[in-house]
Amino acid sequence: MRPRTRDGDTLVYGSETGCPPAARAPRRPVATQAVRVWLERKGRNGTPVSIIRGLTMGRRELADLASKLKRACGTGGSAKDGEIIIQGDHRERLATLLARDGVAAKLAGG
């Protein structure tokens, strides 16, 4: 596929190059993120889940971190919509694990 251009020579998108650098979302360093570890029971038939919100990382990085946290807690979960959901109340353990990785997480909710 040939790169499409607007106004002659300004690159909008190209299959060889991907998105131009200005179109990519800026990422903050992990240490400066406002990360919260929530406990929710609503809409889950009373079953508690720990939810990590506020991480600004790519889908792949989020899935890798979720996998690492699920193994550490010995439970299931998922990573979607910029959140990591871990089954059960593991807020303290998750905050400790995130702190080891350099993420300042605070407990919230529940």
N, C-alpha and C. Protein backbone atom coordinates (compact mmCIF):
# COMPACT_ATOMS: atom_id res chain seq x y z
N MET A 1 0.84 -1.17 0.00
CA MET A 1 0.00 0.00 0.00
C MET A 1 0.89 1.24 0.00
N ARG A 2 0.56 2.20 -0.84
CA ARG A 2 1.33 3.42 -0.92
C ARG A 2 0.89 4.41 0.15
N PRO A 3 1.81 5.19 0.68
CA PRO A 3 1.43 6.18 1.70
C PRO A 3 0.43 7.18 1.14
N ARG A 4 -0.60 7.45 1.92
CA ARG A 4 -1.57 8.47 1.53
C ARG A 4 -1.05 9.81 2.00
N THR A 5 -1.27 10.83 1.22
CA THR A 5 -0.81 12.15 1.59
C THR A 5 -1.95 13.15 1.55
N ARG A 6 -1.79 14.21 2.32
CA ARG A 6 -2.74 15.30 2.32
C ARG A 6 -1.95 16.55 1.92
N ASP A 7 -2.48 17.35 1.04
CA ASP A 7 -1.82 18.56 0.56
C ASP A 7 -0.47 18.26 -0.09
N GLY A 8 -0.41 17.19 -0.81
CA GLY A 8 0.79 16.90 -1.58
C GLY A 8 1.83 16.07 -0.88
N ASP A 9 2.55 16.61 0.11
CA ASP A 9 3.67 15.87 0.66
C ASP A 9 3.59 15.59 2.17
N THR A 10 2.55 15.99 2.88
CA THR A 10 2.45 15.72 4.31
C THR A 10 1.96 14.29 4.51
N LEU A 11 2.76 13.46 5.17
CA LEU A 11 2.41 12.06 5.39
C LEU A 11 1.31 11.94 6.44
N VAL A 12 0.22 11.29 6.07
CA VAL A 12 -0.86 11.05 7.01
C VAL A 12 -0.73 9.66 7.59
N TYR A 13 -0.54 8.66 6.73
CA TYR A 13 -0.35 7.29 7.18
C TYR A 13 0.32 6.51 6.07
N GLY A 14 1.22 5.64 6.46
CA GLY A 14 1.86 4.77 5.51
C GLY A 14 2.03 3.39 6.10
N SER A 15 1.81 2.35 5.31
CA SER A 15 1.91 0.99 5.85
C SER A 15 3.35 0.64 6.22
N GLU A 16 4.32 1.25 5.55
CA GLU A 16 5.72 0.97 5.86
C GLU A 16 6.18 1.71 7.11
N THR A 17 5.65 2.89 7.33
CA THR A 17 6.13 3.73 8.43
C THR A 17 5.19 3.77 9.62
N GLY A 18 3.93 3.40 9.45
CA GLY A 18 2.97 3.50 10.55
C GLY A 18 2.54 4.93 10.75
N CYS A 19 2.09 5.25 11.93
CA CYS A 19 1.63 6.60 12.23
C CYS A 19 2.83 7.53 12.37
N PRO A 20 2.65 8.79 11.97
CA PRO A 20 3.73 9.75 12.18
C PRO A 20 3.96 9.96 13.67
N PRO A 21 5.17 10.37 14.10
CA PRO A 21 5.45 10.51 15.53
C PRO A 21 4.50 11.44 16.27
N ALA A 22 4.00 12.48 15.63
CA ALA A 22 3.10 13.41 16.31
C ALA A 22 1.76 12.77 16.65
N ALA A 23 1.37 11.72 15.94
CA ALA A 23 0.08 11.09 16.17
C ALA A 23 0.11 10.08 17.32
N ARG A 24 1.29 9.68 17.77
CA ARG A 24 1.38 8.71 18.85
C ARG A 24 1.09 9.38 20.18
N ALA A 25 0.42 8.67 21.06
CA ALA A 25 0.08 9.22 22.37
C ALA A 25 1.34 9.32 23.23
N PRO A 26 1.53 10.45 23.90
CA PRO A 26 2.71 10.57 24.77
C PRO A 26 2.56 9.68 26.00
N ARG A 27 3.66 9.09 26.44
CA ARG A 27 3.63 8.23 27.62
C ARG A 27 4.41 8.90 28.73
N ARG A 28 3.79 8.94 29.90
CA ARG A 28 4.48 9.48 31.06
C ARG A 28 5.37 8.40 31.65
N PRO A 29 6.46 8.80 32.30
CA PRO A 29 7.26 7.79 32.99
C PRO A 29 6.41 7.08 34.03
N VAL A 30 6.67 5.81 34.24
CA VAL A 30 5.86 4.99 35.13
C VAL A 30 5.81 5.57 36.54
N ALA A 31 6.91 6.13 37.03
CA ALA A 31 6.96 6.61 38.41
C ALA A 31 6.05 7.81 38.65
N THR A 32 5.64 8.55 37.60
CA THR A 32 4.83 9.74 37.79
C THR A 32 3.34 9.47 37.56
N GLN A 33 2.96 8.25 37.32
CA GLN A 33 1.56 7.95 37.06
C GLN A 33 0.75 7.92 38.35
N ALA A 34 -0.49 8.39 38.28
CA ALA A 34 -1.40 8.34 39.42
C ALA A 34 -2.16 7.01 39.35
N VAL A 35 -1.60 5.98 39.98
CA VAL A 35 -2.18 4.65 39.90
C VAL A 35 -2.95 4.36 41.18
N ARG A 36 -4.16 3.84 41.03
CA ARG A 36 -5.01 3.49 42.17
C ARG A 36 -5.37 2.02 42.07
N VAL A 37 -5.39 1.35 43.23
CA VAL A 37 -5.80 -0.05 43.29
C VAL A 37 -7.14 -0.08 44.02
N TRP A 38 -8.19 -0.41 43.29
CA TRP A 38 -9.56 -0.38 43.78
C TRP A 38 -10.05 -1.77 44.15
N LEU A 39 -11.03 -1.81 45.05
CA LEU A 39 -11.75 -3.04 45.35
C LEU A 39 -13.20 -2.80 44.95
N GLU A 40 -13.74 -3.68 44.12
CA GLU A 40 -15.13 -3.54 43.68
C GLU A 40 -15.88 -4.83 43.90
N ARG A 41 -17.14 -4.69 44.29
CA ARG A 41 -18.04 -5.83 44.41
C ARG A 41 -19.30 -5.62 43.58
N LYS A 42 -19.57 -4.37 43.25
CA LYS A 42 -20.80 -4.02 42.53
C LYS A 42 -20.85 -4.66 41.15
N GLY A 43 -21.98 -5.22 40.82
CA GLY A 43 -22.16 -5.81 39.50
C GLY A 43 -21.44 -7.12 39.29
N ARG A 44 -20.95 -7.71 40.37
CA ARG A 44 -20.19 -8.96 40.26
C ARG A 44 -20.74 -10.00 41.23
N ASN A 45 -22.01 -9.89 41.59
CA ASN A 45 -22.69 -10.81 42.51
C ASN A 45 -21.99 -10.91 43.86
N GLY A 46 -21.42 -9.80 44.32
CA GLY A 46 -20.77 -9.76 45.62
C GLY A 46 -19.35 -10.29 45.65
N THR A 47 -18.86 -10.79 44.54
CA THR A 47 -17.50 -11.33 44.47
C THR A 47 -16.51 -10.17 44.33
N PRO A 48 -15.53 -10.05 45.22
CA PRO A 48 -14.60 -8.93 45.14
C PRO A 48 -13.56 -9.12 44.03
N VAL A 49 -13.22 -8.00 43.40
CA VAL A 49 -12.12 -7.98 42.42
C VAL A 49 -11.27 -6.75 42.71
N SER A 50 -9.99 -6.88 42.51
CA SER A 50 -9.05 -5.75 42.64
C SER A 50 -8.81 -5.19 41.25
N ILE A 51 -8.98 -3.88 41.12
CA ILE A 51 -8.83 -3.23 39.81
C ILE A 51 -7.73 -2.18 39.91
N ILE A 52 -6.78 -2.24 39.00
CA ILE A 52 -5.69 -1.26 38.93
C ILE A 52 -6.03 -0.30 37.81
N ARG A 53 -6.19 0.98 38.17
CA ARG A 53 -6.55 2.01 37.20
C ARG A 53 -5.48 3.09 37.18
N GLY A 54 -5.33 3.72 36.03
CA GLY A 54 -4.42 4.85 35.91
C GLY A 54 -3.11 4.53 35.23
N LEU A 55 -2.91 3.31 34.79
CA LEU A 55 -1.68 2.96 34.08
C LEU A 55 -1.77 3.45 32.64
N THR A 56 -0.76 4.16 32.19
CA THR A 56 -0.72 4.61 30.80
C THR A 56 0.40 3.87 30.09
N MET A 57 0.05 2.72 29.59
CA MET A 57 1.02 1.92 28.84
C MET A 57 0.29 1.24 27.70
N GLY A 58 1.03 0.69 26.80
CA GLY A 58 0.46 0.02 25.65
C GLY A 58 -0.26 -1.27 26.03
N ARG A 59 -1.05 -1.75 25.09
CA ARG A 59 -1.84 -2.96 25.33
C ARG A 59 -0.96 -4.16 25.67
N ARG A 60 0.14 -4.29 24.96
CA ARG A 60 1.04 -5.43 25.18
C ARG A 60 1.70 -5.35 26.56
N GLU A 61 2.19 -4.15 26.92
CA GLU A 61 2.81 -3.95 28.23
C GLU A 61 1.81 -4.20 29.35
N LEU A 62 0.57 -3.74 29.14
CA LEU A 62 -0.48 -3.94 30.15
C LEU A 62 -0.78 -5.42 30.33
N ALA A 63 -0.85 -6.16 29.23
CA ALA A 63 -1.11 -7.60 29.31
C ALA A 63 0.04 -8.34 30.00
N ASP A 64 1.27 -7.93 29.73
CA ASP A 64 2.43 -8.56 30.38
C ASP A 64 2.43 -8.29 31.89
N LEU A 65 2.12 -7.05 32.28
CA LEU A 65 2.06 -6.72 33.70
C LEU A 65 0.92 -7.48 34.38
N ALA A 66 -0.22 -7.58 33.71
CA ALA A 66 -1.36 -8.32 34.28
C ALA A 66 -1.00 -9.78 34.49
N SER A 67 -0.31 -10.36 33.54
CA SER A 67 0.10 -11.76 33.66
C SER A 67 1.04 -11.96 34.85
N LYS A 68 1.98 -11.05 35.02
CA LYS A 68 2.92 -11.12 36.14
C LYS A 68 2.18 -11.00 37.48
N LEU A 69 1.23 -10.07 37.56
CA LEU A 69 0.48 -9.86 38.81
C LEU A 69 -0.45 -11.04 39.11
N LYS A 70 -1.05 -11.62 38.09
CA LYS A 70 -1.92 -12.78 38.29
C LYS A 70 -1.13 -13.97 38.83
N ARG A 71 0.06 -14.18 38.29
CA ARG A 71 0.91 -15.28 38.79
C ARG A 71 1.31 -15.05 40.23
N ALA A 72 1.65 -13.81 40.56
CA ALA A 72 2.08 -13.49 41.93
C ALA A 72 0.95 -13.67 42.94
N CYS A 73 -0.29 -13.40 42.51
CA CYS A 73 -1.44 -13.54 43.42
C CYS A 73 -2.05 -14.94 43.35
N GLY A 74 -1.68 -15.72 42.37
CA GLY A 74 -2.21 -17.08 42.23
C GLY A 74 -3.68 -17.10 41.90
N THR A 75 -4.10 -16.18 41.05
CA THR A 75 -5.52 -16.08 40.70
C THR A 75 -5.68 -15.63 39.26
N GLY A 76 -6.90 -15.55 38.80
CA GLY A 76 -7.20 -15.15 37.44
C GLY A 76 -7.43 -13.65 37.35
N GLY A 77 -7.65 -13.20 36.14
CA GLY A 77 -7.92 -11.79 35.91
C GLY A 77 -7.81 -11.47 34.44
N SER A 78 -7.82 -10.18 34.14
CA SER A 78 -7.72 -9.75 32.75
C SER A 78 -7.16 -8.34 32.68
N ALA A 79 -6.81 -7.94 31.47
CA ALA A 79 -6.35 -6.59 31.20
C ALA A 79 -7.12 -6.08 30.00
N LYS A 80 -7.93 -5.04 30.23
CA LYS A 80 -8.68 -4.46 29.13
C LYS A 80 -9.07 -3.03 29.46
N ASP A 81 -9.26 -2.23 28.44
CA ASP A 81 -9.67 -0.83 28.58
C ASP A 81 -8.76 -0.03 29.51
N GLY A 82 -7.47 -0.32 29.51
CA GLY A 82 -6.52 0.41 30.33
C GLY A 82 -6.55 0.05 31.81
N GLU A 83 -7.22 -1.04 32.16
CA GLU A 83 -7.31 -1.49 33.55
C GLU A 83 -6.81 -2.92 33.66
N ILE A 84 -6.34 -3.26 34.85
CA ILE A 84 -5.99 -4.65 35.14
C ILE A 84 -6.94 -5.11 36.22
N ILE A 85 -7.66 -6.20 35.97
CA ILE A 85 -8.63 -6.75 36.90
C ILE A 85 -8.09 -8.07 37.43
N ILE A 86 -7.95 -8.16 38.76
CA ILE A 86 -7.46 -9.37 39.42
C ILE A 86 -8.57 -9.88 40.33
N GLN A 87 -8.90 -11.16 40.21
CA GLN A 87 -9.97 -11.73 41.02
C GLN A 87 -9.56 -11.81 42.48
N GLY A 88 -10.44 -11.35 43.37
CA GLY A 88 -10.18 -11.40 44.81
C GLY A 88 -9.66 -10.08 45.34
N ASP A 89 -9.58 -10.00 46.68
CA ASP A 89 -9.08 -8.79 47.34
C ASP A 89 -7.58 -8.94 47.59
N HIS A 90 -6.78 -8.43 46.65
CA HIS A 90 -5.32 -8.52 46.73
C HIS A 90 -4.70 -7.13 46.68
N ARG A 91 -5.39 -6.12 47.20
CA ARG A 91 -4.93 -4.74 47.07
C ARG A 91 -3.55 -4.52 47.67
N GLU A 92 -3.32 -4.99 48.88
CA GLU A 92 -2.04 -4.74 49.53
C GLU A 92 -0.90 -5.41 48.77
N ARG A 93 -1.12 -6.65 48.36
CA ARG A 93 -0.09 -7.38 47.62
C ARG A 93 0.21 -6.70 46.28
N LEU A 94 -0.84 -6.26 45.60
CA LEU A 94 -0.66 -5.60 44.31
C LEU A 94 0.09 -4.28 44.47
N ALA A 95 -0.23 -3.51 45.51
CA ALA A 95 0.47 -2.25 45.75
C ALA A 95 1.95 -2.50 46.02
N THR A 96 2.26 -3.55 46.77
CA THR A 96 3.65 -3.91 47.05
C THR A 96 4.38 -4.32 45.78
N LEU A 97 3.74 -5.13 44.96
CA LEU A 97 4.36 -5.59 43.71
C LEU A 97 4.59 -4.42 42.75
N LEU A 98 3.63 -3.51 42.68
CA LEU A 98 3.78 -2.35 41.80
C LEU A 98 4.90 -1.44 42.31
N ALA A 99 5.02 -1.31 43.64
CA ALA A 99 6.08 -0.48 44.21
C ALA A 99 7.45 -1.04 43.86
N ARG A 100 7.58 -2.36 43.82
CA ARG A 100 8.86 -2.99 43.42
C ARG A 100 9.23 -2.64 42.00
N ASP A 101 8.19 -2.44 41.15
CA ASP A 101 8.44 -2.08 39.75
C ASP A 101 8.58 -0.58 39.55
N GLY A 102 8.52 0.19 40.63
CA GLY A 102 8.68 1.63 40.52
C GLY A 102 7.41 2.40 40.29
N VAL A 103 6.25 1.78 40.50
CA VAL A 103 4.97 2.46 40.32
C VAL A 103 4.41 2.78 41.70
N ALA A 104 4.15 4.06 41.95
CA ALA A 104 3.60 4.48 43.23
C ALA A 104 2.09 4.29 43.19
N ALA A 105 1.59 3.23 43.78
CA ALA A 105 0.16 2.92 43.77
C ALA A 105 -0.44 3.20 45.13
N LYS A 106 -1.67 3.72 45.11
CA LYS A 106 -2.39 4.00 46.34
C LYS A 106 -3.63 3.13 46.38
N LEU A 107 -4.02 2.69 47.60
CA LEU A 107 -5.24 1.91 47.76
C LEU A 107 -6.43 2.84 47.73
N ALA A 108 -7.51 2.38 47.09
CA ALA A 108 -8.72 3.18 46.99
C ALA A 108 -9.93 2.25 46.97
N GLY A 109 -11.08 2.77 47.33
CA GLY A 109 -12.33 2.00 47.28
C GLY A 109 -12.36 0.91 48.31
N GLY A 110 -13.52 0.27 48.41
CA GLY A 110 -13.73 -0.90 49.16
C GLY A 110 -13.71 -0.95 50.60
